[in-house]
Protein backbone atom coordinates (compact mmCIF):
# COMPACT_ATOMS: atom_id res chain seq x y z
CA MET A 1 65.81 60.08 51.66
CA CYS A 2 67.55 58.04 54.35
CA ILE A 3 67.88 61.11 56.58
CA PHE A 4 64.20 61.89 56.12
CA THR A 5 63.24 58.33 57.06
CA ILE A 6 65.32 58.50 60.25
CA TYR A 7 63.81 61.86 61.13
CA PHE A 8 60.27 60.62 60.53
CA THR A 9 60.92 57.51 62.63
CA ASN A 10 62.21 59.62 65.55
CA VAL A 11 59.22 61.95 65.33
CA ARG A 12 56.87 58.97 65.33
CA HIS A 13 58.58 57.53 68.44
CA PHE A 14 58.27 60.88 70.14
CA ILE A 15 54.56 61.06 69.32
CA TYR A 16 54.03 57.54 70.69
CA LEU A 17 55.89 58.44 73.86
CA PHE A 18 53.85 61.61 74.27
CA LEU A 19 50.60 59.68 73.81
CA LEU A 20 51.64 57.09 76.40
CA ILE A 21 52.44 59.81 78.91
CA PHE A 22 49.13 61.55 78.21
CA ILE A 23 47.11 58.36 78.59
CA PHE A 24 48.91 57.46 81.83
CA SER A 25 48.35 60.92 83.33
CA CYS A 26 44.69 60.87 82.40
CA GLY A 27 44.29 57.47 84.01
CA LYS A 28 45.99 58.71 87.19
CA LYS A 29 43.76 61.78 87.32
CA ARG A 30 40.66 59.64 86.97
CA LYS A 31 41.89 57.38 89.76
CA ASP A 32 42.60 60.37 92.02
CA LEU A 33 39.18 61.84 91.28
CA ALA A 34 37.54 58.53 92.09
CA THR A 35 39.49 58.29 95.36
CA ASN A 36 38.61 61.85 96.30
CA SER A 37 34.94 61.27 95.53
CA GLN A 38 35.01 58.30 97.89
CA GLU A 39 36.82 60.26 100.63
CA ARG A 40 34.48 63.27 100.62
CA PRO A 41 31.43 61.50 102.12
CA LYS A 42 33.59 59.88 104.83
CA LEU A 43 35.04 63.26 105.76
CA SER A 44 31.49 64.37 106.57
CA VAL A 45 30.59 61.37 108.74
CA VAL A 46 30.26 62.30 112.42
CA ILE A 47 32.42 60.16 114.70
CA GLU A 48 31.93 59.79 118.45
CA HIS A 49 35.36 59.82 120.10
CA ALA A 50 36.27 58.59 123.56
CA ALA A 51 35.43 61.09 126.30
CA PHE A 52 38.38 62.79 127.95
CA GLU A 53 38.88 62.74 131.72
CA ASP A 54 37.41 65.73 133.54
CA VAL A 55 38.69 67.49 136.62
CA LYS A 56 36.89 65.99 139.62
CA PRO A 57 33.99 68.08 140.97
CA ALA A 58 35.70 68.26 144.37
CA PHE A 59 38.57 70.21 142.78
CA GLU A 60 36.59 72.61 140.59
CA LYS A 61 37.07 75.46 143.07
CA GLU A 62 40.84 75.08 142.73
CA ILE A 63 40.71 75.90 139.00
CA ALA A 64 37.70 78.23 139.02
CA ASP A 65 39.83 81.27 138.15
CA TRP A 66 41.86 79.52 135.44
CA GLN A 67 39.80 80.85 132.54
CA GLU A 68 42.11 79.57 129.77
CA LEU A 69 41.75 75.98 130.96
CA LYS A 70 37.96 76.30 131.16
CA THR A 71 37.84 77.74 127.63
CA VAL A 72 39.88 74.87 126.19
CA HIS A 73 37.70 72.37 128.06
CA SER A 74 34.52 73.90 126.66
CA PHE A 75 35.88 74.06 123.10
CA LEU A 76 37.21 70.49 123.12
CA GLN A 77 33.77 69.17 124.00
CA LYS A 78 32.87 69.92 120.36
CA PHE A 79 35.48 67.38 119.26
CA GLN A 80 34.00 64.48 121.20
CA LYS A 81 31.34 64.04 118.54
CA VAL A 82 32.51 65.57 115.28
CA SER A 83 33.11 64.87 111.59
CA PRO A 84 36.63 65.14 110.15
CA ASN A 85 35.59 68.21 108.16
CA GLU A 86 34.27 69.94 111.29
CA ALA A 87 37.39 69.00 113.23
CA LEU A 88 39.59 70.55 110.55
CA SER A 89 37.47 73.70 110.39
CA ASN A 90 37.98 74.21 114.16
CA ALA A 91 41.60 73.06 114.30
CA LEU A 92 43.21 76.50 113.98
CA GLU A 93 41.05 78.05 116.69
CA LEU A 94 41.77 75.12 119.00
CA ARG A 95 45.51 75.55 118.42
CA ASP A 96 45.29 79.23 119.39
CA LEU A 97 43.24 78.49 122.52
CA VAL A 98 45.73 75.88 123.72
CA LEU A 99 48.57 78.31 123.05
CA SER A 100 46.79 80.82 125.30
CA LEU A 101 46.54 78.11 127.96
CA LYS A 102 50.21 77.33 127.57
CA ASP A 103 51.18 81.01 127.96
CA SER A 104 48.70 81.76 130.75
CA VAL A 105 49.55 82.37 134.40
CA THR A 106 49.64 78.87 135.85
CA PRO A 107 48.25 78.45 139.39
CA GLN A 108 50.91 77.78 142.00
CA ASN A 109 49.83 74.17 142.55
CA PHE A 110 50.67 73.30 138.93
CA LYS A 111 54.00 75.08 138.48
CA ILE A 112 55.99 71.86 138.13
CA PRO A 113 57.83 70.44 135.09
CA SER A 114 55.72 67.27 134.83
CA PHE A 115 52.50 69.28 134.48
CA GLU A 116 54.03 71.78 132.04
CA ALA A 117 55.24 68.85 129.93
CA ARG A 118 51.67 67.57 129.57
CA VAL A 119 50.45 70.98 128.46
CA ASN A 120 53.25 71.07 125.87
CA VAL A 121 52.21 67.65 124.56
CA LEU A 122 48.64 68.93 124.20
CA TYR A 123 49.86 71.96 122.26
CA ASN A 124 51.96 69.79 119.94
CA GLU A 125 48.94 67.58 119.18
CA THR A 126 46.86 70.65 118.28
CA LEU A 127 49.67 71.81 116.00
CA ARG A 128 49.59 68.49 114.15
CA LEU A 129 45.83 68.71 113.80
CA ALA A 130 46.16 72.24 112.40
CA ASP A 131 48.82 71.04 109.94
CA LEU A 132 46.31 68.56 108.48
CA THR A 133 44.29 71.50 107.16
CA LEU A 134 47.13 72.21 104.72
CA ILE A 135 46.91 68.78 103.05
CA PRO A 136 44.53 68.95 100.03
CA ALA A 137 43.70 65.24 99.80
CA ILE A 138 43.64 64.41 103.51
CA ASN A 139 42.47 60.98 104.60
CA TYR A 140 39.53 60.91 107.02
CA GLU A 141 41.26 58.24 109.13
CA GLU A 142 44.25 60.52 109.73
CA VAL A 143 41.97 63.28 110.96
CA ASN A 144 40.04 61.00 113.30
CA LEU A 145 43.28 59.57 114.70
CA GLN A 146 44.67 63.03 115.38
CA VAL A 147 41.46 64.09 117.10
CA ASP A 148 41.80 61.03 119.37
CA LYS A 149 45.40 61.98 120.19
CA THR A 150 44.41 65.56 120.99
CA LEU A 151 41.58 64.49 123.30
CA GLY A 152 43.90 61.98 124.95
CA ALA A 153 46.49 64.70 125.60
CA PHE A 154 43.88 66.93 127.25
CA SER A 155 42.70 63.97 129.32
CA SER A 156 46.28 63.57 130.52
CA VAL A 157 46.36 67.23 131.61
CA ASN A 158 43.17 66.82 133.65
CA SER A 159 44.43 63.56 135.13
CA LYS A 160 47.55 65.34 136.37
CA ILE A 161 45.42 68.09 137.89
CA ASN A 162 43.41 65.48 139.80
CA THR A 163 46.58 63.76 141.00
CA LEU A 164 48.24 66.97 142.19
CA LEU A 165 45.17 68.24 144.00
CA SER A 166 44.54 64.86 145.63
CA LYS A 167 48.11 64.89 146.89
CA LYS A 168 47.70 68.45 148.18
CA ARG A 169 44.50 67.55 150.02
CA PHE A 170 46.22 64.55 151.61
CA GLU A 171 49.21 66.64 152.71
CA ASP A 172 46.91 69.32 154.13
CA ALA A 173 45.14 66.66 156.18
CA ILE A 174 48.49 65.40 157.48
CA LYS A 175 49.48 68.97 158.39
CA VAL A 176 46.32 69.47 160.44
CA ARG A 177 46.89 66.15 162.20
CA ILE A 178 50.49 67.05 163.04
CA ASP A 179 49.66 70.57 164.25
CA TYR A 180 46.78 69.40 166.40
CA ASP A 181 48.21 66.25 167.99
CA ILE A 182 51.96 66.63 167.96
CA GLY A 183 52.86 70.29 167.49
CA ILE A 184 55.60 69.64 164.92
CA ASP A 185 56.30 72.06 162.11
CA PRO A 186 55.33 70.04 158.96
CA THR A 187 57.42 72.26 156.68
CA LYS A 188 60.54 70.80 158.29
CA MET A 189 59.48 67.21 157.68
CA ASP A 190 60.15 65.07 154.65
CA SER A 191 57.79 62.53 153.14
CA ILE A 192 59.44 59.68 155.06
CA SER A 193 58.74 61.41 158.38
CA LYS A 194 55.12 61.92 157.46
CA LYS A 195 54.77 58.27 156.54
CA SER A 196 56.34 57.28 159.85
CA ILE A 197 53.82 59.39 161.74
CA GLN A 198 50.99 57.81 159.80
CA LEU A 199 52.30 54.33 160.54
CA ASN A 200 52.71 55.11 164.23
CA ASP A 201 49.19 56.51 164.39
CA LYS A 202 47.84 53.37 162.79
CA LYS A 203 49.73 51.15 165.23
CA ARG A 204 48.56 53.26 168.16
CA LEU A 205 44.93 52.96 167.12
CA LEU A 206 45.24 49.22 166.57
CA LYS A 207 46.89 48.78 169.96
CA LYS A 208 44.22 50.90 171.60
CA GLY A 209 41.48 48.80 170.04
CA LYS A 210 43.24 45.60 170.99
CA ASN A 211 43.62 46.65 174.60
CA LYS A 212 39.92 47.43 174.76
CA GLN A 213 39.07 43.92 173.67
CA ILE A 214 41.14 42.20 176.38
CA THR A 215 40.37 44.56 179.28
CA LEU A 216 38.83 42.54 182.17
CA PRO A 217 36.90 43.82 185.17
CA LYS A 218 38.81 44.09 188.45
CA LEU A 219 38.37 41.08 190.76
CA PRO A 220 37.83 41.53 194.50
CA LYS A 221 40.89 41.03 196.69
CA PHE A 222 40.98 37.92 198.94
CA ASP A 223 42.78 37.58 202.24
CA ASN A 224 44.93 34.46 201.97
CA LYS A 225 45.23 34.21 205.75
CA LYS A 226 41.51 33.97 206.25
CA ILE A 227 41.26 31.33 203.52
């Protein structure tokens, strides 16, 4: 009888424990369902993100043949005004397009480590955005934040293009100036020499303008003896 009582008591404790676990799990499921039902509408809300920097119109000819860059630019325009759900549905294609850009033949002007690093950062951001598609209960804020980071990374790529081409245009202008006025081979000059030439040119022009301001007409000569 005593053994039966102990057995019955243990079974009753086990049943109570099972019921508690069941009630707790049901409560958690209801909470998760409620959270998911609240997240779904927000995942469909269209968000207008900050516009990324474009390549300046003056430099468009320099990248006209870089088709991979133009394709990524065109595709990313969809992400400037997009819902989290739409962003996730296009994330894998964007990742593949940026990979094609990364593996493409880079124009000579951009074959430098600092530019390649920015393209790598862009690719890593698209990878993170693609990874969000694997999370079942993704938060809409995480998606929107990652879209912002991706657009910012592409803006950084375009900013570097503008900087490099502006520098090239400046150096080309210096080369023409040197060839025309001085006859020095610019390939044998460093940046300090070019700056020195610029500074000397500026001083020469200032001096020339200054001399013009103080130039006086010639006075007639007087014979001191006659006076």
